[in-house]
Amino acid sequence: MDQSHDEIRKELQEWNRAYNGGKDVDDPHIRNGIEFWRVGHNASHEFHAGAMDGKRFRYSVDCAVDYEDWPEKRAGEDDGEYVLRALGAEIKEVTDFCGYYGHF
């Protein structure tokens, strides 16, 4: 049974809320017109899940730590945070959200 766009969107927002430790839902990241929410990460990737027109999408980003600025504090960041630089991204339509989405 297909879910409506709004049902998928609500599912993704709850997933994002869980990723954020129960705190507020983030604003979606818009990529190619698709709304994405961050739902996981590991040492080298960030994982996002998205929806558009009742379809589901995965978005993974290869990242690297920007050690040149470590541990320099940038505006809006907490002390000791490092900066992730996106190295590459992949957007893929999926039929469901089964699979690996990093750690949280």
PDB file of N, CA and C in Angstrom:
ATOM      1  N   MET A   1       0.838  -1.179   0.000  1.00  0.00           N
ATOM      2  CA  MET A   1       0.000   0.000   0.000  1.00  0.00           C
ATOM      3  C   MET A   1       0.885   1.246   0.000  1.00  0.00           C
ATOM      4  N   ASP A   2       0.652   2.111  -0.930  1.00  0.00           N
ATOM      5  CA  ASP A   2       1.416   3.347  -1.013  1.00  0.00           C
ATOM      6  C   ASP A   2       0.941   4.334   0.045  1.00  0.00           C
ATOM      7  N   GLN A   3       1.893   5.003   0.646  1.00  0.00           N
ATOM      8  CA  GLN A   3       1.566   6.072   1.583  1.00  0.00           C
ATOM      9  C   GLN A   3       1.461   7.372   0.817  1.00  0.00           C
ATOM     10  N   SER A   4       0.659   8.284   1.340  1.00  0.00           N
ATOM     11  CA  SER A   4       0.589   9.601   0.724  1.00  0.00           C
ATOM     12  C   SER A   4       1.864  10.369   1.050  1.00  0.00           C
ATOM     13  N   HIS A   5       2.105  11.417   0.291  1.00  0.00           N
ATOM     14  CA  HIS A   5       3.285  12.256   0.519  1.00  0.00           C
ATOM     15  C   HIS A   5       3.309  12.775   1.957  1.00  0.00           C
ATOM     16  N   ASP A   6       2.150  13.232   2.462  1.00  0.00           N
ATOM     17  CA  ASP A   6       2.095  13.782   3.816  1.00  0.00           C
ATOM     18  C   ASP A   6       2.417  12.728   4.868  1.00  0.00           C
ATOM     19  N   GLU A   7       1.976  11.484   4.668  1.00  0.00           N
ATOM     20  CA  GLU A   7       2.287  10.411   5.620  1.00  0.00           C
ATOM     21  C   GLU A   7       3.778  10.090   5.613  1.00  0.00           C
ATOM     22  N   ILE A   8       4.383  10.046   4.429  1.00  0.00           N
ATOM     23  CA  ILE A   8       5.825   9.792   4.322  1.00  0.00           C
ATOM     24  C   ILE A   8       6.593  10.939   4.966  1.00  0.00           C
ATOM     25  N   ARG A   9       6.181  12.142   4.687  1.00  0.00           N
ATOM     26  CA  ARG A   9       6.829  13.335   5.258  1.00  0.00           C
ATOM     27  C   ARG A   9       6.771  13.301   6.786  1.00  0.00           C
ATOM     28  N   LYS A  10       5.612  12.948   7.355  1.00  0.00           N
ATOM     29  CA  LYS A  10       5.458  12.855   8.809  1.00  0.00           C
ATOM     30  C   LYS A  10       6.380  11.768   9.375  1.00  0.00           C
ATOM     31  N   GLU A  11       6.467  10.633   8.684  1.00  0.00           N
ATOM     32  CA  GLU A  11       7.369   9.552   9.092  1.00  0.00           C
ATOM     33  C   GLU A  11       8.824  10.043   9.128  1.00  0.00           C
ATOM     34  N   LEU A  12       9.219  10.778   8.114  1.00  0.00           N
ATOM     35  CA  LEU A  12      10.594  11.280   8.049  1.00  0.00           C
ATOM     36  C   LEU A  12      10.871  12.316   9.132  1.00  0.00           C
ATOM     37  N   GLN A  13       9.898  13.154   9.421  1.00  0.00           N
ATOM     38  CA  GLN A  13      10.070  14.144  10.479  1.00  0.00           C
ATOM     39  C   GLN A  13      10.226  13.463  11.838  1.00  0.00           C
ATOM     40  N   GLU A  14       9.470  12.396  12.085  1.00  0.00           N
ATOM     41  CA  GLU A  14       9.609  11.654  13.342  1.00  0.00           C
ATOM     42  C   GLU A  14      10.967  10.955  13.412  1.00  0.00           C
ATOM     43  N   TRP A  15      11.430  10.442  12.284  1.00  0.00           N
ATOM     44  CA  TRP A  15      12.741   9.813  12.215  1.00  0.00           C
ATOM     45  C   TRP A  15      13.829  10.844  12.518  1.00  0.00           C
ATOM     46  N   ASN A  16      13.686  12.042  11.958  1.00  0.00           N
ATOM     47  CA  ASN A  16      14.623  13.124  12.221  1.00  0.00           C
ATOM     48  C   ASN A  16      14.575  13.539  13.695  1.00  0.00           C
ATOM     49  N   ARG A  17      13.376  13.585  14.273  1.00  0.00           N
ATOM     50  CA  ARG A  17      13.232  13.930  15.695  1.00  0.00           C
ATOM     51  C   ARG A  17      13.967  12.894  16.549  1.00  0.00           C
ATOM     52  N   ALA A  18      13.832  11.610  16.220  1.00  0.00           N
ATOM     53  CA  ALA A  18      14.533  10.552  16.954  1.00  0.00           C
ATOM     54  C   ALA A  18      16.046  10.722  16.802  1.00  0.00           C
ATOM     55  N   TYR A  19      16.493  11.035  15.585  1.00  0.00           N
ATOM     56  CA  TYR A  19      17.920  11.272  15.345  1.00  0.00           C
ATOM     57  C   TYR A  19      18.422  12.425  16.208  1.00  0.00           C
ATOM     58  N   ASN A  20      17.588  13.450  16.397  1.00  0.00           N
ATOM     59  CA  ASN A  20      17.947  14.620  17.191  1.00  0.00           C
ATOM     60  C   ASN A  20      17.743  14.397  18.690  1.00  0.00           C
ATOM     61  N   GLY A  21      17.545  13.155  19.098  1.00  0.00           N
ATOM     62  CA  GLY A  21      17.373  12.855  20.521  1.00  0.00           C
ATOM     63  C   GLY A  21      16.059  13.344  21.091  1.00  0.00           C
ATOM     64  N   GLY A  22      15.015  13.404  20.265  1.00  0.00           N
ATOM     65  CA  GLY A  22      13.703  13.828  20.714  1.00  0.00           C
ATOM     66  C   GLY A  22      13.482  15.325  20.671  1.00  0.00           C
ATOM     67  N   LYS A  23      14.472  16.059  20.214  1.00  0.00           N
ATOM     68  CA  LYS A  23      14.342  17.516  20.124  1.00  0.00           C
ATOM     69  C   LYS A  23      13.564  17.894  18.867  1.00  0.00           C
ATOM     70  N   ASP A  24      13.489  19.172  18.595  1.00  0.00           N
ATOM     71  CA  ASP A  24      12.723  19.668  17.449  1.00  0.00           C
ATOM     72  C   ASP A  24      13.176  19.046  16.140  1.00  0.00           C
ATOM     73  N   VAL A  25      12.241  18.996  15.202  1.00  0.00           N
ATOM     74  CA  VAL A  25      12.523  18.515  13.852  1.00  0.00           C
ATOM     75  C   VAL A  25      13.266  19.604  13.087  1.00  0.00           C
ATOM     76  N   ASP A  26      14.299  19.209  12.352  1.00  0.00           N
ATOM     77  CA  ASP A  26      15.042  20.150  11.520  1.00  0.00           C
ATOM     78  C   ASP A  26      14.212  20.567  10.316  1.00  0.00           C
ATOM     79  N   ASP A  27      14.517  21.721   9.757  1.00  0.00           N
ATOM     80  CA  ASP A  27      13.944  22.093   8.469  1.00  0.00           C
ATOM     81  C   ASP A  27      14.509  21.139   7.429  1.00  0.00           C
ATOM     82  N   PRO A  28      13.725  20.794   6.414  1.00  0.00           N
ATOM     83  CA  PRO A  28      14.243  19.864   5.409  1.00  0.00           C
ATOM     84  C   PRO A  28      15.330  20.507   4.548  1.00  0.00           C
ATOM     85  N   HIS A  29      16.231  19.669   4.063  1.00  0.00           N
ATOM     86  CA  HIS A  29      17.211  20.083   3.057  1.00  0.00           C
ATOM     87  C   HIS A  29      16.562  19.800   1.713  1.00  0.00           C
ATOM     88  N   ILE A  30      16.569  20.751   0.826  1.00  0.00           N
ATOM     89  CA  ILE A  30      15.957  20.563  -0.487  1.00  0.00           C
ATOM     90  C   ILE A  30      17.066  20.274  -1.488  1.00  0.00           C
ATOM     91  N   ARG A  31      16.983  19.110  -2.131  1.00  0.00           N
ATOM     92  CA  ARG A  31      17.929  18.698  -3.169  1.00  0.00           C
ATOM     93  C   ARG A  31      17.125  18.209  -4.362  1.00  0.00           C
ATOM     94  N   ASN A  32      17.333  18.804  -5.511  1.00  0.00           N
ATOM     95  CA  ASN A  32      16.605  18.424  -6.728  1.00  0.00           C
ATOM     96  C   ASN A  32      15.091  18.467  -6.519  1.00  0.00           C
ATOM     97  N   GLY A  33      14.616  19.401  -5.704  1.00  0.00           N
ATOM     98  CA  GLY A  33      13.195  19.544  -5.443  1.00  0.00           C
ATOM     99  C   GLY A  33      12.641  18.563  -4.426  1.00  0.00           C
ATOM    100  N   ILE A  34      13.487  17.718  -3.861  1.00  0.00           N
ATOM    101  CA  ILE A  34      13.079  16.691  -2.899  1.00  0.00           C
ATOM    102  C   ILE A  34      13.380  17.186  -1.488  1.00  0.00           C
ATOM    103  N   GLU A  35      12.427  17.011  -0.576  1.00  0.00           N
ATOM    104  CA  GLU A  35      12.640  17.362   0.821  1.00  0.00           C
ATOM    105  C   GLU A  35      13.362  16.207   1.522  1.00  0.00           C
ATOM    106  N   PHE A  36      14.505  16.501   2.153  1.00  0.00           N
ATOM    107  CA  PHE A  36      15.281  15.496   2.881  1.00  0.00           C
ATOM    108  C   PHE A  36      15.471  15.916   4.329  1.00  0.00           C
ATOM    109  N   TRP A  37      15.460  14.916   5.231  1.00  0.00           N
ATOM    110  CA  TRP A  37      15.780  15.119   6.627  1.00  0.00           C
ATOM    111  C   TRP A  37      16.935  14.203   7.000  1.00  0.00           C
ATOM    112  N   ARG A  38      17.857  14.717   7.802  1.00  0.00           N
ATOM    113  CA  ARG A  38      18.994  13.923   8.248  1.00  0.00           C
ATOM    114  C   ARG A  38      18.492  12.874   9.235  1.00  0.00           C
ATOM    115  N   VAL A  39      18.876  11.625   8.994  1.00  0.00           N
ATOM    116  CA  VAL A  39      18.381  10.527   9.831  1.00  0.00           C
ATOM    117  C   VAL A  39      19.494   9.655  10.396  1.00  0.00           C
ATOM    118  N   GLY A  40      20.743   9.938  10.043  1.00  0.00           N
ATOM    119  CA  GLY A  40      21.838   9.154  10.585  1.00  0.00           C
ATOM    120  C   GLY A  40      23.177   9.651  10.090  1.00  0.00           C
ATOM    121  N   HIS A  41      24.232   9.137  10.718  1.00  0.00           N
ATOM    122  CA  HIS A  41      25.589   9.448  10.272  1.00  0.00           C
ATOM    123  C   HIS A  41      26.540   8.397  10.830  1.00  0.00           C
ATOM    124  N   ASN A  42      27.697   8.336  10.243  1.00  0.00           N
ATOM    125  CA  ASN A  42      28.796   7.569  10.807  1.00  0.00           C
ATOM    126  C   ASN A  42      30.049   8.417  10.629  1.00  0.00           C
ATOM    127  N   ALA A  43      31.212   7.819  10.752  1.00  0.00           N
ATOM    128  CA  ALA A  43      32.447   8.602  10.695  1.00  0.00           C
ATOM    129  C   ALA A  43      32.691   9.231   9.327  1.00  0.00           C
ATOM    130  N   SER A  44      32.130   8.670   8.273  1.00  0.00           N
ATOM    131  CA  SER A  44      32.450   9.167   6.943  1.00  0.00           C
ATOM    132  C   SER A  44      31.253   9.632   6.114  1.00  0.00           C
ATOM    133  N   HIS A  45      30.027   9.398   6.584  1.00  0.00           N
ATOM    134  CA  HIS A  45      28.840   9.730   5.795  1.00  0.00           C
ATOM    135  C   HIS A  45      27.760  10.376   6.652  1.00  0.00           C
ATOM    136  N   GLU A  46      26.937  11.170   5.997  1.00  0.00           N
ATOM    137  CA  GLU A  46      25.678  11.642   6.560  1.00  0.00           C
ATOM    138  C   GLU A  46      24.577  10.988   5.734  1.00  0.00           C
ATOM    139  N   PHE A  47      23.488  10.588   6.393  1.00  0.00           N
ATOM    140  CA  PHE A  47      22.389   9.909   5.716  1.00  0.00           C
ATOM    141  C   PHE A  47      21.111  10.712   5.870  1.00  0.00           C
ATOM    142  N   HIS A  48      20.416  10.917   4.759  1.00  0.00           N
ATOM    143  CA  HIS A  48      19.163  11.653   4.727  1.00  0.00           C
ATOM    144  C   HIS A  48      18.110  10.775   4.047  1.00  0.00           C
ATOM    145  N   ALA A  49      16.859  10.947   4.464  1.00  0.00           N
ATOM    146  CA  ALA A  49      15.732  10.285   3.814  1.00  0.00           C
ATOM    147  C   ALA A  49      14.781  11.385   3.367  1.00  0.00           C
ATOM    148  N   GLY A  50      14.163  11.175   2.201  1.00  0.00           N
ATOM    149  CA  GLY A  50      13.339  12.237   1.645  1.00  0.00           C
ATOM    150  C   GLY A  50      12.089  11.746   0.960  1.00  0.00           C
ATOM    151  N   ALA A  51      11.259  12.716   0.601  1.00  0.00           N
ATOM    152  CA  ALA A  51       9.997  12.414  -0.076  1.00  0.00           C
ATOM    153  C   ALA A  51       9.667  13.513  -1.074  1.00  0.00           C
ATOM    154  N   MET A  52       9.053  13.079  -2.175  1.00  0.00           N
ATOM    155  CA  MET A  52       8.524  14.002  -3.178  1.00  0.00           C
ATOM    156  C   MET A  52       7.452  13.262  -3.965  1.00  0.00           C
ATOM    157  N   ASP A  53       6.278  13.853  -4.064  1.00  0.00           N
ATOM    158  CA  ASP A  53       5.168  13.285  -4.844  1.00  0.00           C
ATOM    159  C   ASP A  53       4.859  11.842  -4.448  1.00  0.00           C
ATOM    160  N   GLY A  54       4.909  11.533  -3.145  1.00  0.00           N
ATOM    161  CA  GLY A  54       4.587  10.193  -2.662  1.00  0.00           C
ATOM    162  C   GLY A  54       5.678   9.168  -2.903  1.00  0.00           C
ATOM    163  N   LYS A  55       6.845   9.593  -3.346  1.00  0.00           N
ATOM    164  CA  LYS A  55       7.975   8.696  -3.574  1.00  0.00           C
ATOM    165  C   LYS A  55       9.010   8.897  -2.476  1.00  0.00           C
ATOM    166  N   ARG A  56       9.787   7.841  -2.204  1.00  0.00           N
ATOM    167  CA  ARG A  56      10.822   7.875  -1.176  1.00  0.00           C
ATOM    168  C   ARG A  56      12.203   7.966  -1.820  1.00  0.00           C
ATOM    169  N   PHE A  57      13.105   8.685  -1.140  1.00  0.00           N
ATOM    170  CA  PHE A  57      14.460   8.857  -1.656  1.00  0.00           C
ATOM    171  C   PHE A  57      15.470   8.738  -0.529  1.00  0.00           C
ATOM    172  N   ARG A  58      16.655   8.234  -0.867  1.00  0.00           N
ATOM    173  CA  ARG A  58      17.804   8.213   0.029  1.00  0.00           C
ATOM    174  C   ARG A  58      18.820   9.206  -0.498  1.00  0.00           C
ATOM    175  N   TYR A  59      19.528   9.814   0.423  1.00  0.00           N
ATOM    176  CA  TYR A  59      20.554  10.792   0.061  1.00  0.00           C
ATOM    177  C   TYR A  59      21.710  10.569   1.016  1.00  0.00           C
ATOM    178  N   SER A  60      22.831  10.142   0.490  1.00  0.00           N
ATOM    179  CA  SER A  60      24.006   9.950   1.339  1.00  0.00           C
ATOM    180  C   SER A  60      25.100  10.897   0.872  1.00  0.00           C
ATOM    181  N   VAL A  61      25.848  11.403   1.838  1.00  0.00           N
ATOM    182  CA  VAL A  61      26.905  12.365   1.556  1.00  0.00           C
ATOM    183  C   VAL A  61      28.206  11.845   2.142  1.00  0.00           C
ATOM    184  N   ASP A  62      29.235  11.689   1.301  1.00  0.00           N
ATOM    185  CA  ASP A  62      30.576  11.365   1.789  1.00  0.00           C
ATOM    186  C   ASP A  62      31.149  12.633   2.385  1.00  0.00           C
ATOM    187  N   CYS A  63      31.720  12.535   3.558  1.00  0.00           N
ATOM    188  CA  CYS A  63      32.235  13.722   4.236  1.00  0.00           C
ATOM    189  C   CYS A  63      33.657  13.503   4.719  1.00  0.00           C
ATOM    190  N   ALA A  64      34.310  14.587   4.986  1.00  0.00           N
ATOM    191  CA  ALA A  64      35.645  14.557   5.577  1.00  0.00           C
ATOM    192  C   ALA A  64      35.707  15.636   6.639  1.00  0.00           C
ATOM    193  N   VAL A  65      36.492  15.394   7.649  1.00  0.00           N
ATOM    194  CA  VAL A  65      36.670  16.395   8.692  1.00  0.00           C
ATOM    195  C   VAL A  65      37.650  17.447   8.200  1.00  0.00           C
ATOM    196  N   ASP A  66      37.299  18.700   8.378  1.00  0.00           N
ATOM    197  CA  ASP A  66      38.171  19.800   7.999  1.00  0.00           C
ATOM    198  C   ASP A  66      39.095  20.093   9.180  1.00  0.00           C
ATOM    199  N   TYR A  67      40.219  19.390   9.223  1.00  0.00           N
ATOM    200  CA  TYR A  67      41.137  19.534  10.343  1.00  0.00           C
ATOM    201  C   TYR A  67      41.902  20.849  10.311  1.00  0.00           C
ATOM    202  N   GLU A  68      41.918  21.530   9.198  1.00  0.00           N
ATOM    203  CA  GLU A  68      42.618  22.811   9.126  1.00  0.00           C
ATOM    204  C   GLU A  68      42.017  23.817  10.098  1.00  0.00           C
ATOM    205  N   ASP A  69      40.716  23.697  10.365  1.00  0.00           N
ATOM    206  CA  ASP A  69      40.050  24.627  11.264  1.00  0.00           C
ATOM    207  C   ASP A  69      39.883  24.047  12.667  1.00  0.00           C
ATOM    208  N   TRP A  70      40.383  22.863  12.914  1.00  0.00           N
ATOM    209  CA  TRP A  70      40.244  22.238  14.226  1.00  0.00           C
ATOM    210  C   TRP A  70      41.255  22.832  15.183  1.00  0.00           C
ATOM    211  N   PRO A  71      40.993  23.167  16.415  1.00  0.00           N
ATOM    212  CA  PRO A  71      39.666  23.246  17.040  1.00  0.00           C
ATOM    213  C   PRO A  71      39.106  24.664  17.017  1.00  0.00           C
ATOM    214  N   GLU A  72      39.504  25.427  16.026  1.00  0.00           N
ATOM    215  CA  GLU A  72      39.045  26.809  15.919  1.00  0.00           C
ATOM    216  C   GLU A  72      37.516  26.879  15.931  1.00  0.00           C
ATOM    217  N   LYS A  73      36.990  27.805  16.680  1.00  0.00           N
ATOM    218  CA  LYS A  73      35.542  27.963  16.757  1.00  0.00           C
ATOM    219  C   LYS A  73      35.063  28.907  15.671  1.00  0.00           C
ATOM    220  N   ARG A  74      34.042  28.477  14.937  1.00  0.00           N
ATOM    221  CA  ARG A  74      33.420  29.333  13.931  1.00  0.00           C
ATOM    222  C   ARG A  74      32.114  29.885  14.489  1.00  0.00           C
ATOM    223  N   ALA A  75      31.650  30.968  13.913  1.00  0.00           N
ATOM    224  CA  ALA A  75      30.405  31.586  14.370  1.00  0.00           C
ATOM    225  C   ALA A  75      29.270  30.567  14.328  1.00  0.00           C
ATOM    226  N   GLY A  76      28.522  30.474  15.415  1.00  0.00           N
ATOM    227  CA  GLY A  76      27.363  29.585  15.468  1.00  0.00           C
ATOM    228  C   GLY A  76      27.682  28.158  15.848  1.00  0.00           C
ATOM    229  N   GLU A  77      28.932  27.827  16.071  1.00  0.00           N
ATOM    230  CA  GLU A  77      29.291  26.462  16.432  1.00  0.00           C
ATOM    231  C   GLU A  77      29.718  26.400  17.891  1.00  0.00           C
ATOM    232  N   ASP A  78      29.512  25.253  18.503  1.00  0.00           N
ATOM    233  CA  ASP A  78      29.960  25.033  19.866  1.00  0.00           C
ATOM    234  C   ASP A  78      31.460  24.811  19.880  1.00  0.00           C
ATOM    235  N   ASP A  79      32.077  25.074  21.009  1.00  0.00           N
ATOM    236  CA  ASP A  79      33.509  24.800  21.156  1.00  0.00           C
ATOM    237  C   ASP A  79      33.777  23.328  20.872  1.00  0.00           C
ATOM    238  N   GLY A  80      34.836  23.065  20.164  1.00  0.00           N
ATOM    239  CA  GLY A  80      35.250  21.688  19.920  1.00  0.00           C
ATOM    240  C   GLY A  80      34.565  21.003  18.757  1.00  0.00           C
ATOM    241  N   GLU A  81      33.610  21.619  18.105  1.00  0.00           N
ATOM    242  CA  GLU A  81      32.971  20.983  16.958  1.00  0.00           C
ATOM    243  C   GLU A  81      33.883  21.088  15.752  1.00  0.00           C
ATOM    244  N   TYR A  82      33.851  20.096  14.934  1.00  0.00           N
ATOM    245  CA  TYR A  82      34.625  20.146  13.709  1.00  0.00           C
ATOM    246  C   TYR A  82      33.687  20.377  12.532  1.00  0.00           C
ATOM    247  N   VAL A  83      34.241  20.724  11.423  1.00  0.00           N
ATOM    248  CA  VAL A  83      33.472  21.077  10.236  1.00  0.00           C
ATOM    249  C   VAL A  83      33.515  19.907   9.258  1.00  0.00           C
ATOM    250  N   LEU A  84      32.349  19.496   8.773  1.00  0.00           N
ATOM    251  CA  LEU A  84      32.292  18.444   7.766  1.00  0.00           C
ATOM    252  C   LEU A  84      32.232  19.084   6.388  1.00  0.00           C
ATOM    253  N   ARG A  85      33.043  18.591   5.479  1.00  0.00           N
ATOM    254  CA  ARG A  85      33.014  19.050   4.096  1.00  0.00           C
ATOM    255  C   ARG A  85      32.416  17.940   3.251  1.00  0.00           C
ATOM    256  N   ALA A  86      31.428  18.243   2.474  1.00  0.00           N
ATOM    257  CA  ALA A  86      30.837  17.245   1.592  1.00  0.00           C
ATOM    258  C   ALA A  86      31.787  16.970   0.435  1.00  0.00           C
ATOM    259  N   LEU A  87      32.071  15.694   0.213  1.00  0.00           N
ATOM    260  CA  LEU A  87      32.956  15.297  -0.882  1.00  0.00           C
ATOM    261  C   LEU A  87      32.183  14.760  -2.075  1.00  0.00           C
ATOM    262  N   GLY A  88      31.033  14.180  -1.818  1.00  0.00           N
ATOM    263  CA  GLY A  88      30.237  13.618  -2.899  1.00  0.00           C
ATOM    264  C   GLY A  88      28.877  13.229  -2.364  1.00  0.00           C
ATOM    265  N   ALA A  89      27.880  13.196  -3.202  1.00  0.00           N
ATOM    266  CA  ALA A  89      26.531  12.879  -2.762  1.00  0.00           C
ATOM    267  C   ALA A  89      25.857  11.974  -3.768  1.00  0.00           C
ATOM    268  N   GLU A  90      24.940  11.153  -3.260  1.00  0.00           N
ATOM    269  CA  GLU A  90      24.177  10.262  -4.120  1.00  0.00           C
ATOM    270  C   GLU A  90      22.722  10.312  -3.697  1.00  0.00           C
ATOM    271  N   ILE A  91      21.829  10.609  -4.640  1.00  0.00           N
ATOM    272  CA  ILE A  91      20.391  10.585  -4.392  1.00  0.00           C
ATOM    273  C   ILE A  91      19.819   9.414  -5.169  1.00  0.00           C
ATOM    274  N   LYS A  92      18.998   8.608  -4.480  1.00  0.00           N
ATOM    275  CA  LYS A  92      18.447   7.412  -5.115  1.00  0.00           C
ATOM    276  C   LYS A  92      16.999   7.225  -4.677  1.00  0.00           C
ATOM    277  N   GLU A  93      16.099   6.961  -5.632  1.00  0.00           N
ATOM    278  CA  GLU A  93      14.719   6.629  -5.287  1.00  0.00           C
ATOM    279  C   GLU A  93      14.680   5.195  -4.775  1.00  0.00           C
ATOM    280  N   VAL A  94      13.897   4.959  -3.709  1.00  0.00           N
ATOM    281  CA  VAL A  94      13.776   3.631  -3.112  1.00  0.00           C
ATOM    282  C   VAL A  94      12.306   3.308  -2.896  1.00  0.00           C
ATOM    283  N   THR A  95      12.002   2.019  -2.791  1.00  0.00           N
ATOM    284  CA  THR A  95      10.616   1.611  -2.541  1.00  0.00           C
ATOM    285  C   THR A  95      10.276   1.633  -1.060  1.00  0.00           C
ATOM    286  N   ASP A  96      11.308   1.488  -0.189  1.00  0.00           N
ATOM    287  CA  ASP A  96      11.112   1.571   1.257  1.00  0.00           C
ATOM    288  C   ASP A  96      12.402   2.075   1.892  1.00  0.00           C
ATOM    289  N   PHE A  97      12.368   2.261   3.194  1.00  0.00           N
ATOM    290  CA  PHE A  97      13.534   2.794   3.876  1.00  0.00           C
ATOM    291  C   PHE A  97      14.304   1.720   4.642  1.00  0.00           C
ATOM    292  N   CYS A  98      14.248   0.478   4.174  1.00  0.00           N
ATOM    293  CA  CYS A  98      15.024  -0.593   4.792  1.00  0.00           C
ATOM    294  C   CYS A  98      16.499  -0.403   4.449  1.00  0.00           C
ATOM    295  N   GLY A  99      17.372  -0.783   5.367  1.00  0.00           N
ATOM    296  CA  GLY A  99      18.794  -0.698   5.084  1.00  0.00           C
ATOM    297  C   GLY A  99      19.532   0.130   6.110  1.00  0.00           C
ATOM    298  N   TYR A 100      20.773   0.418   5.818  1.00  0.00           N
ATOM    299  CA  TYR A 100      21.663   1.092   6.741  1.00  0.00           C
ATOM    300  C   TYR A 100      21.555   2.607   6.623  1.00  0.00           C
ATOM    301  N   TYR A 101      21.354   3.265   7.744  1.00  0.00           N
ATOM    302  CA  TYR A 101      21.263   4.721   7.781  1.00  0.00           C
ATOM    303  C   TYR A 101      22.161   5.319   8.840  1.00  0.00           C
ATOM    304  N   GLY A 102      23.242   4.664   9.167  1.00  0.00           N
ATOM    305  CA  GLY A 102      24.203   5.215  10.112  1.00  0.00           C
ATOM    306  C   GLY A 102      23.811   5.017  11.551  1.00  0.00           C
ATOM    307  N   HIS A 103      24.525   5.708  12.409  1.00  0.00           N
ATOM    308  CA  HIS A 103      24.339   5.578  13.847  1.00  0.00           C
ATOM    309  C   HIS A 103      23.730   6.845  14.413  1.00  0.00           C
ATOM    310  N   PHE A 104      22.900   6.684  15.427  1.00  0.00           N
ATOM    311  CA  PHE A 104      22.429   7.844  16.198  1.00  0.00           C
ATOM    312  C   PHE A 104      21.943   7.387  17.547  1.00  0.00           C
TER     313      PHE A 104
END
